[in-house]
């Protein structure tokens, strides 16, 4: 009787485990299909809006727009290259059906572009303090080509080099029917994974949140000082701050769940985050900044909707007004100089 009871108990446990596994597999399958549909519905209009925003902002040479133009370019690259491979993985229920070389290229571009977006947003948050509250000589240095290219080259070159070294050395175990799960192998090594999470994700995220928070406090104090005067300066400061808050917020929404899952996989402080459905949602949320940056750019940069002919005509009129004012100033200087010379000549003749 005891042996029969033990056999029935183990048999019931096996049945419970099998039903639990089947339930988890069905839940993951449904979740992957839902994420597949949502990403298609978001990424396709994002590509067209991104192209439209880049085309309209191409002629804008302002320093405050340069970083966000770089963000739009990186977002377009990520949406066109990485999201299709992620959709393929979702369609095949987390198994990657393509070759190993394509898998490694996808991982390099994917991880590099996400970290690049984070570094660009972090630099933009620091740059807003310089453009609004910095001294004049630092603002002039910021407008040079060197200070435009150095942060952009670093934001693109550092993650591309780092992840190329890590991912190209990875080896993958093939599973049935030449299908395998396309994941980087350095996530299995605790020390490298910790260094990557801290340097690439956590530190830029903390710097962005801190600088944006202090920017909001400083802009509120500036508003109290400029409540009844210098409304043009206040409108410019408000526009720059609004742009930064929007892009920082969308970056925070996209990267915070992924950072939490990475840290939790190292230290296991919250067991619920280790569930497969939460990890898959966190991986999908990493594409939120690149998809929604195009939608935010339409609201953050109202000049996108303005007619370019009117803008060029207005810019041409402003240049003509400046040239006319310079000419009048020169003529006034010449006339004042001739008057002084004639007065001096007449006074010398009288003497």
Protein backbone atom coordinates (compact mmCIF):
# COMPACT_ATOMS: atom_id res chain seq x y z
CA UNK A 1 0.00 0.00 0.00
CA UNK A 2 2.84 2.37 0.82
CA UNK A 3 4.54 1.70 -2.52
CA UNK A 4 1.26 2.15 -4.35
CA UNK A 5 0.68 5.45 -2.53
CA UNK A 6 4.17 6.67 -3.44
CA UNK A 7 3.68 5.75 -7.08
CA UNK A 8 0.37 7.61 -7.22
CA UNK A 9 1.94 10.62 -5.51
CA UNK A 10 4.87 10.78 -7.95
CA UNK A 11 2.48 10.23 -10.85
CA UNK A 12 0.27 13.14 -9.71
CA UNK A 13 3.36 15.35 -9.28
CA UNK A 14 4.47 14.48 -12.82
CA UNK A 15 1.04 15.32 -14.14
CA UNK A 16 1.06 18.66 -12.31
CA UNK A 17 4.52 19.48 -13.65
CA UNK A 18 3.57 18.58 -17.22
CA UNK A 19 0.38 20.63 -17.03
CA UNK A 20 2.33 23.54 -15.57
CA UNK A 21 4.90 23.31 -18.40
CA UNK A 22 2.15 23.15 -21.03
CA UNK A 23 0.41 26.13 -19.42
CA UNK A 24 3.65 28.17 -19.43
CA UNK A 25 4.33 27.25 -23.05
CA UNK A 26 0.84 28.25 -24.13
CA UNK A 27 1.11 31.51 -22.17
CA UNK A 28 4.46 32.31 -23.79
CA UNK A 29 3.07 31.48 -27.22
CA UNK A 30 0.08 33.80 -26.74
CA UNK A 31 2.32 36.56 -25.37
CA UNK A 32 4.70 36.28 -28.31
CA UNK A 33 1.83 36.58 -30.78
CA UNK A 34 0.48 39.64 -28.98
CA UNK A 35 3.92 41.28 -28.95
CA UNK A 36 4.33 40.39 -32.62
CA UNK A 37 1.12 42.21 -33.57
CA UNK A 38 1.85 45.24 -31.38
CA UNK A 39 5.37 45.68 -32.77
CA UNK A 40 4.16 45.51 -36.36
CA UNK A 41 1.43 48.06 -35.70
CA UNK A 42 3.90 50.45 -34.05
CA UNK A 43 7.09 49.99 -36.09
CA UNK A 44 5.62 50.44 -39.59
CA UNK A 45 4.17 53.96 -39.02
CA UNK A 46 7.25 54.80 -36.95
CA UNK A 47 9.51 54.27 -39.98
CA UNK A 48 7.50 56.63 -42.20
CA UNK A 49 7.21 59.30 -39.52
CA UNK A 50 10.92 58.99 -38.78
CA UNK A 51 11.81 59.50 -42.44
CA UNK A 52 9.52 62.51 -42.61
CA UNK A 53 11.03 64.04 -39.44
CA UNK A 54 14.61 63.47 -40.64
CA UNK A 55 13.79 65.06 -44.00
CA UNK A 56 12.25 68.13 -42.36
CA UNK A 57 15.01 68.53 -39.77
CA UNK A 58 17.84 67.94 -42.25
CA UNK A 59 18.33 71.63 -42.99
CA UNK A 60 18.17 72.65 -39.32
CA UNK A 61 21.74 73.43 -38.24
CA UNK A 62 20.98 74.35 -34.63
CA UNK A 63 23.02 72.65 -31.95
CA UNK A 64 19.92 71.83 -29.91
CA UNK A 65 18.54 69.82 -32.84
CA UNK A 66 21.76 68.02 -33.83
CA UNK A 67 21.67 65.41 -31.03
CA UNK A 68 18.03 64.59 -31.68
CA UNK A 69 18.73 64.21 -35.39
CA UNK A 70 21.34 61.61 -34.41
CA UNK A 71 18.75 59.92 -32.17
CA UNK A 72 16.32 59.77 -35.08
CA UNK A 73 18.96 58.26 -37.39
CA UNK A 74 19.88 55.55 -34.86
CA UNK A 75 16.19 54.87 -34.16
CA UNK A 76 15.52 54.44 -37.87
CA UNK A 77 18.44 52.03 -38.20
CA UNK A 78 17.22 49.98 -35.23
CA UNK A 79 13.63 49.89 -36.43
CA UNK A 80 14.59 48.78 -39.93
CA UNK A 81 17.22 46.18 -38.99
CA UNK A 82 16.70 44.84 -35.46
CA UNK A 83 12.93 44.81 -35.07
CA UNK A 84 12.36 42.52 -38.13
CA UNK A 85 14.69 39.89 -36.63
CA UNK A 86 12.95 40.21 -33.27
CA UNK A 87 9.63 39.72 -35.06
CA UNK A 88 10.99 36.57 -36.69
CA UNK A 89 12.03 35.29 -33.28
CA UNK A 90 8.59 36.05 -31.86
CA UNK A 91 6.89 34.33 -34.78
CA UNK A 92 8.91 31.14 -34.20
CA UNK A 93 8.32 31.32 -30.42
CA UNK A 94 11.78 32.53 -29.34
CA UNK A 95 13.73 30.29 -31.72
CA UNK A 96 15.85 31.95 -34.37
CA UNK A 97 15.60 30.14 -37.73
CA UNK A 98 18.39 32.03 -39.56
CA UNK A 99 22.12 31.42 -39.68
CA UNK A 100 24.56 32.01 -36.84
CA UNK A 101 26.30 34.89 -38.65
CA UNK A 102 23.02 36.78 -39.02
CA UNK A 103 22.30 36.12 -35.34
CA UNK A 104 25.62 37.66 -34.28
CA UNK A 105 25.20 40.67 -36.58
CA UNK A 106 21.71 41.23 -35.21
CA UNK A 107 22.96 41.09 -31.62
CA UNK A 108 25.81 43.52 -32.33
CA UNK A 109 23.54 46.07 -34.01
CA UNK A 110 20.76 45.56 -31.48
CA UNK A 111 22.80 45.99 -28.30
CA UNK A 112 24.96 48.75 -29.80
CA UNK A 113 22.01 50.82 -31.01
CA UNK A 114 20.16 50.59 -27.69
CA UNK A 115 23.23 51.69 -25.73
CA UNK A 116 23.96 54.37 -28.35
CA UNK A 117 20.48 55.82 -27.87
CA UNK A 118 21.03 55.87 -24.12
CA UNK A 119 24.35 57.68 -24.44
CA UNK A 120 22.90 60.24 -26.87
CA UNK A 121 19.98 60.97 -24.55
CA UNK A 122 22.43 61.25 -21.64
CA UNK A 123 24.59 63.72 -23.58
CA UNK A 124 21.52 65.71 -24.63
CA UNK A 125 20.46 66.08 -20.99
CA UNK A 126 23.90 67.46 -20.07
CA UNK A 127 23.95 69.68 -23.15
CA UNK A 128 20.65 71.30 -22.20
CA UNK A 129 22.24 72.69 -19.02
CA UNK A 130 25.05 74.20 -21.13
CA UNK A 131 22.74 75.69 -23.74
CA UNK A 132 20.38 77.26 -21.20
CA UNK A 133 22.54 78.14 -18.20
CA UNK A 134 26.14 77.88 -19.44
CA UNK A 135 28.53 80.81 -19.97
CA UNK A 136 28.73 82.40 -23.40
CA UNK A 137 32.23 81.14 -24.27
CA UNK A 138 31.19 77.54 -23.54
CA UNK A 139 28.11 77.98 -25.74
CA UNK A 140 30.32 79.17 -28.59
CA UNK A 141 32.57 76.14 -28.16
CA UNK A 142 29.49 73.91 -28.24
CA UNK A 143 28.52 75.28 -31.63
CA UNK A 144 31.74 74.12 -33.29
CA UNK A 145 31.90 70.96 -35.37
CA UNK A 146 34.26 69.24 -32.92
CA UNK A 147 31.82 69.39 -30.03
CA UNK A 148 29.11 68.06 -32.31
CA UNK A 149 31.02 65.07 -33.64
CA UNK A 150 33.01 63.91 -30.59
CA UNK A 151 29.97 62.90 -28.45
CA UNK A 152 28.25 61.31 -31.44
CA UNK A 153 31.32 59.31 -32.45
CA UNK A 154 31.86 58.15 -28.86
CA UNK A 155 28.17 57.21 -28.43
CA UNK A 156 28.33 55.08 -31.59
CA UNK A 157 31.91 53.78 -31.46
CA UNK A 158 32.08 52.66 -27.81
CA UNK A 159 29.10 50.25 -27.81
CA UNK A 160 29.86 49.00 -31.32
CA UNK A 161 33.43 48.06 -30.36
CA UNK A 162 32.45 46.64 -26.97
CA UNK A 163 29.66 44.38 -28.23
CA UNK A 164 31.58 43.29 -31.33
CA UNK A 165 34.33 41.93 -29.06
CA UNK A 166 31.85 40.21 -26.74
CA UNK A 167 29.47 38.72 -29.30
CA UNK A 168 31.89 37.60 -32.00
CA UNK A 169 33.58 35.29 -29.48
CA UNK A 170 30.29 33.59 -28.55
CA UNK A 171 29.57 29.95 -29.36
CA UNK A 172 26.04 28.57 -29.56
CA UNK A 173 24.64 25.08 -29.15
CA UNK A 174 22.40 24.10 -32.03
CA UNK A 175 19.02 22.65 -31.15
CA UNK A 176 16.58 20.52 -33.15
CA UNK A 177 16.09 21.37 -36.84
CA UNK A 178 18.95 23.90 -36.83
CA UNK A 179 16.90 26.30 -34.70
CA UNK A 180 18.49 27.94 -31.71
CA UNK A 181 17.80 30.77 -29.29
CA UNK A 182 19.72 33.86 -30.35
CA UNK A 183 21.08 35.27 -27.08
CA UNK A 184 24.55 36.65 -26.24
CA UNK A 185 26.80 34.28 -24.33
CA UNK A 186 28.30 36.96 -22.08
CA UNK A 187 25.03 37.06 -20.13
CA UNK A 188 26.05 33.71 -18.65
CA UNK A 189 29.23 35.18 -17.14
CA UNK A 190 28.33 37.11 -14.03
CA UNK A 191 31.27 39.53 -13.88
CA UNK A 192 31.13 40.62 -17.54
CA UNK A 193 27.36 40.86 -17.43
CA UNK A 194 27.58 43.07 -14.32
CA UNK A 195 30.17 45.38 -15.93
CA UNK A 196 28.08 45.61 -19.09
CA UNK A 197 24.89 46.42 -17.16
CA UNK A 198 26.60 49.10 -15.07
CA UNK A 199 28.57 50.86 -17.80
CA UNK A 200 26.16 50.55 -20.70
CA UNK A 201 22.75 50.84 -19.06
CA UNK A 202 22.65 51.77 -15.39
CA UNK A 203 25.11 54.68 -15.27
CA UNK A 204 23.71 56.49 -18.36
CA UNK A 205 20.18 55.95 -17.06
CA UNK A 206 21.01 57.42 -13.64
CA UNK A 207 22.85 60.38 -15.17
CA UNK A 208 19.93 61.10 -17.50
CA UNK A 209 17.36 60.97 -14.69
CA UNK A 210 19.47 63.15 -12.36
CA UNK A 211 20.36 65.81 -14.93
CA UNK A 212 16.80 66.01 -16.24
CA UNK A 213 15.43 66.38 -12.71
CA UNK A 214 17.87 69.21 -11.91
CA UNK A 215 17.11 70.80 -15.27
CA UNK A 216 13.43 70.87 -14.38
CA UNK A 217 14.19 72.49 -11.01
CA UNK A 218 16.47 75.11 -12.59
CA UNK A 219 13.93 75.94 -15.29
CA UNK A 220 11.21 76.45 -12.66
CA UNK A 221 13.49 78.85 -10.78
CA UNK A 222 14.24 80.64 -14.05
CA UNK A 223 10.53 80.98 -14.71
CA UNK A 224 10.05 82.67 -11.35
CA UNK A 225 12.78 85.20 -12.22
CA UNK A 226 11.54 85.84 -15.78
CA UNK A 227 7.84 85.91 -14.94
CA UNK A 228 7.25 89.41 -16.34
CA UNK A 229 10.27 89.98 -18.55
CA UNK A 230 12.24 88.45 -21.42
CA UNK A 231 9.46 86.18 -22.69
CA UNK A 232 11.47 85.20 -25.79
CA UNK A 233 14.23 83.66 -23.68
CA UNK A 234 11.66 81.86 -21.56
CA UNK A 235 9.97 80.33 -24.63
CA UNK A 236 13.32 79.02 -25.87
CA UNK A 237 14.21 77.55 -22.47
CA UNK A 238 10.79 75.95 -22.16
CA UNK A 239 11.10 74.38 -25.61
CA UNK A 240 14.54 72.92 -24.88
CA UNK A 241 13.41 71.54 -21.51
CA UNK A 242 10.23 70.02 -22.95
CA UNK A 243 12.24 68.19 -25.61
CA UNK A 244 14.59 66.76 -23.01
CA UNK A 245 11.86 65.65 -20.63
CA UNK A 246 9.96 63.84 -23.39
CA UNK A 247 12.94 61.90 -24.72
CA UNK A 248 14.21 61.10 -21.21
CA UNK A 249 10.79 59.80 -20.22
CA UNK A 250 10.49 57.50 -23.23
CA UNK A 251 14.05 56.27 -22.68
CA UNK A 252 13.24 55.55 -19.02
CA UNK A 253 10.12 53.57 -19.95
CA UNK A 254 12.02 51.49 -22.49
CA UNK A 255 15.19 50.69 -20.52
CA UNK A 256 14.08 50.48 -16.89
CA UNK A 257 12.36 47.03 -17.12
CA UNK A 258 15.36 45.61 -18.98
CA UNK A 259 17.83 46.98 -16.41
CA UNK A 260 15.74 45.53 -13.57
CA UNK A 261 15.69 42.09 -15.19
CA UNK A 262 19.46 42.18 -15.72
CA UNK A 263 20.19 43.17 -12.12
CA UNK A 264 17.64 40.65 -10.82
CA UNK A 265 19.26 37.85 -12.82
CA UNK A 266 22.52 38.62 -11.01
CA UNK A 267 21.27 39.04 -7.44
CA UNK A 268 17.76 37.49 -7.39
CA UNK A 269 16.06 40.16 -5.27
CA UNK A 270 12.63 39.69 -6.91
CA UNK A 271 11.69 36.14 -8.06
CA UNK A 272 8.70 37.29 -10.13
CA UNK A 273 10.95 39.17 -12.58
CA UNK A 274 12.67 35.90 -13.55
CA UNK A 275 9.52 34.53 -15.14
CA UNK A 276 9.84 34.05 -18.93
CA UNK A 277 6.88 36.28 -19.79
CA UNK A 278 8.32 39.21 -17.84
CA UNK A 279 11.74 38.81 -19.46
CA UNK A 280 10.13 38.74 -22.90
CA UNK A 281 8.12 41.90 -22.18
CA UNK A 282 11.29 43.63 -20.92
CA UNK A 283 13.12 42.65 -24.12
CA UNK A 284 10.27 44.05 -26.20
CA UNK A 285 10.28 47.30 -24.20
CA UNK A 286 13.88 47.98 -25.27
CA UNK A 287 12.47 48.92 -28.70
CA UNK A 288 10.15 51.56 -27.22
CA UNK A 289 12.70 54.45 -27.49
CA UNK A 290 13.54 53.77 -31.13
CA UNK A 291 9.88 53.33 -32.15
CA UNK A 292 8.39 56.25 -30.25
CA UNK A 293 11.20 58.79 -30.78
CA UNK A 294 9.72 59.59 -34.19
CA UNK A 295 6.27 60.23 -32.68
CA UNK A 296 7.79 62.43 -29.97
CA UNK A 297 9.83 64.43 -32.48
CA UNK A 298 6.63 65.66 -34.14
CA UNK A 299 5.45 67.16 -30.86
CA UNK A 300 8.89 68.29 -29.62
CA UNK A 301 9.82 70.05 -32.88
CA UNK A 302 6.82 71.98 -34.22
CA UNK A 303 8.91 73.30 -37.13
CA UNK A 304 8.58 69.86 -38.76
CA UNK A 305 5.04 70.74 -39.81
CA UNK A 306 5.92 74.19 -41.14
CA UNK A 307 6.23 74.67 -44.86
CA UNK A 308 9.86 74.75 -45.92
CA UNK A 309 9.24 77.44 -48.53
CA UNK A 310 7.83 79.75 -45.90
CA UNK A 311 10.72 78.97 -43.61
CA UNK A 312 13.24 79.70 -46.36
CA UNK A 313 11.41 82.89 -47.31
CA UNK A 314 11.33 83.99 -43.68
CA UNK A 315 15.02 83.14 -43.28
CA UNK A 316 15.82 85.06 -46.47
CA UNK A 317 13.88 88.07 -45.20
CA UNK A 318 15.77 87.95 -41.90
CA UNK A 319 19.10 87.86 -43.76
CA UNK A 320 18.05 90.82 -45.89
CA UNK A 321 17.02 92.76 -42.80
CA UNK A 322 20.37 92.01 -41.18
CA UNK A 323 22.24 93.10 -44.29
CA UNK A 324 20.18 96.30 -44.51
CA UNK A 325 20.82 97.06 -40.85
CA UNK A 326 24.55 96.51 -41.36
CA UNK A 327 24.52 98.81 -44.38
CA UNK A 328 22.66 101.51 -42.50
CA UNK A 329 25.08 101.23 -39.60
CA UNK A 330 28.02 101.57 -41.96
CA UNK A 331 26.45 104.56 -43.66
CA UNK A 332 25.74 106.17 -40.30
CA UNK A 333 29.34 105.62 -39.28
CA UNK A 334 30.58 107.13 -42.53
CA UNK A 335 28.31 110.15 -42.23
CA UNK A 336 29.31 110.69 -38.61
CA UNK A 337 32.96 110.43 -39.59
CA UNK A 338 32.53 112.95 -42.44
CA UNK A 339 30.66 115.33 -40.15
CA UNK A 340 33.43 115.14 -37.60
CA UNK A 341 36.05 115.72 -40.26
CA UNK A 342 34.19 118.74 -41.68
CA UNK A 343 33.70 120.17 -38.21
CA UNK A 344 37.38 119.72 -37.48
CA UNK A 345 38.32 121.31 -40.81
CA UNK A 346 36.08 124.35 -40.30
CA UNK A 347 37.37 124.84 -36.75
CA UNK A 348 40.97 124.73 -38.01
CA UNK A 349 40.16 127.24 -40.79
CA UNK A 350 38.51 129.61 -38.33
CA UNK A 351 41.57 129.47 -36.16
